Amino acid sequence: MQNLSEMNYLWIRLFNNTAKPRAQREAERNELNMLVGENIVRMSSLEEVTLELYKSAVLPQLLDQIQKCKDVLSQQYLTDCIIQVFPDDYHLHTLEKFLDGCSKLEPEADVKTILISLMERLANYAAGQLEVIEALDKESDIFTVMKRYVDRVLEEQGTATDLQKLVELQVAFIRFSIKCYPDKINNVNSILETAANIIKVQPSKNLTTPLLRTLVSLLTIPLESLSLSVLNLSNFPVLMEYLHPDMKKDVAKQILAALISTKKKLQSLDTIAKLLVFIAPLLEGVVDQEDQYEFETVQTGVAKIVQLLELPSHEDELKAIIKLHEAFAKGGLPRTRFSIPSLVWALYRLSTTCLRSMEEEELLAFLSKVFELGYQLVEGICGIVPQECIRLYLNGALALNCTGIEGKEAEKIIVQYLTKAFAIYQEELADTNLKLRALTLIIGTLERITLLSSDSFDLLTKRVIQFCTRNLRKQDQCKSILICSHIFASDSQVKLPNL
């Protein structure tokens, strides 16, 4: 310890020797810093330096020497040496004492960098030692201790100086908090609130691009561990508002990716409303300015949100689908062409899951709403993706048929869906190969429908036969008529009287 003290003072005097140019003095001093730090390295390797000895003697004497030297560079270097060379659990057990010593350094000392270094070291350690954190928390709440000293730094050094470093401090703090307390969302929100308070008092000219990129890091760090829980962070969207549009999209993409990868279910309308606020940058904006591949990838991800719906009642699920469509529709047809098929399939799935939980009259009314909405949604994209719309209408007819609900209302909806599919086939498809494939799907669907009356079935089959005979190529005519003959041999249709 005495050797460290003497070498440190010699190191400081070298810099104060004004006989040499300042640049030369700084270069010489940097060359000697390893020799000074080596004293602390050797001290940390001694077997006799146990945790108890470190707490009672080593750390207090080290901090005392660092404070007495009054040299900013020396204080910063030696404090960082303590952080790097002594075991992590020593730091955890002496956290408050160490932080108190840091608060007594020279005002010019960069305490923010020291705290960042300490928190990064402890965060990496805490990832595999959560039981140690829990044990220490019984004695003293580590997060509360750390936050008290972080807030003191903000108060003493102000928010007008070194804004970049202040936000980096919050980044290190939020990483530390998540590693030590992965389930405590209030800790994360508290850190975001502090960051928001730092940013909101700054003029816009201070919000530089590097600073905003650091802010993006602050917002994306919690996503890996918290996933859907970030929706409960009230200060998250507040900070997003300060970002440039492209940065907002980047954060929204990472929120979406985290949600999809964890497959967390959306179980309330309130959660869905919050999610739509968080990913709003992906649902609006000029499409022409975006890379097409990137755009399609993102919108495909947005459509996958629908697959995560798992609400407690069928009525709520229908409301959720409507809510999602209203939000998606704001982005225009280039976006809804990706989301509408997913919404429609969710409606068809809902039509089968509601069968056991509703009385007949209530069920009929509910199914009418479901299929009316499905019809309208598909109609909105007929001009963009006609072949996919034919599939959706045909599957809608099959979905209602699978419910087994008989009656004029159900038959009316099935006929409506099939007729619309026929109309798209006639009006929107021009390619011969596409028409043959679509006609094959129409025939296969009509073969499986069992809830049609004889008159409705006759009318629909006559139209299909006409489609077959109007194919341009003779081989297509023959092939489609042969396929169409299966309708009349189907087990589901042989009982119809006119056959």
Foldseek 3Di string as FASTA:
>chain_A
DVVLLVLLLVLVVLCVPVVDDNVVSVVVSVVCLVVSLVVVLVVQPDPVCDLVCCQPPVVVVLLVSLLVSLDQVSNQSNLLSVLPRHDLVSCLVCVLVSLVSLVSHDPPHPVLVSLLSNLQSNLVVLLPPLVSQVVSVVVPNPLVSSVVSLVVCCVSVHLVPPVLSNLSSLLSSLSSCCSNPVPPVVSLLVSLVVNLVSPVVDDLVPCDPSSVVSVLSSLLSNCQRCQLVVLVNPSNVVSLVSHDLVSLQVSLLSSLVSCVVVLAADAAPVSLVSNCSSNLSLQADDPVVDDPVVNVVSLLSLLCNLVRYDYPDLVRNVVSLVVSCVSNPNHPDVRLVNNLVSSLVSLLVSLQVCLVPDDPVVSLVVNVVSLVVNVVSLVVCCQPCVLVSLVSLLVSLVSLQVSVDADDSNQVSSLVSLVVSLVSLVPPDDDLVSSLVSLLSSLVSLLPRQRHALVSNVVSLVSSLVSLCPRPDPVSSVVSVVSNVVSCVRPSPVPHVVD
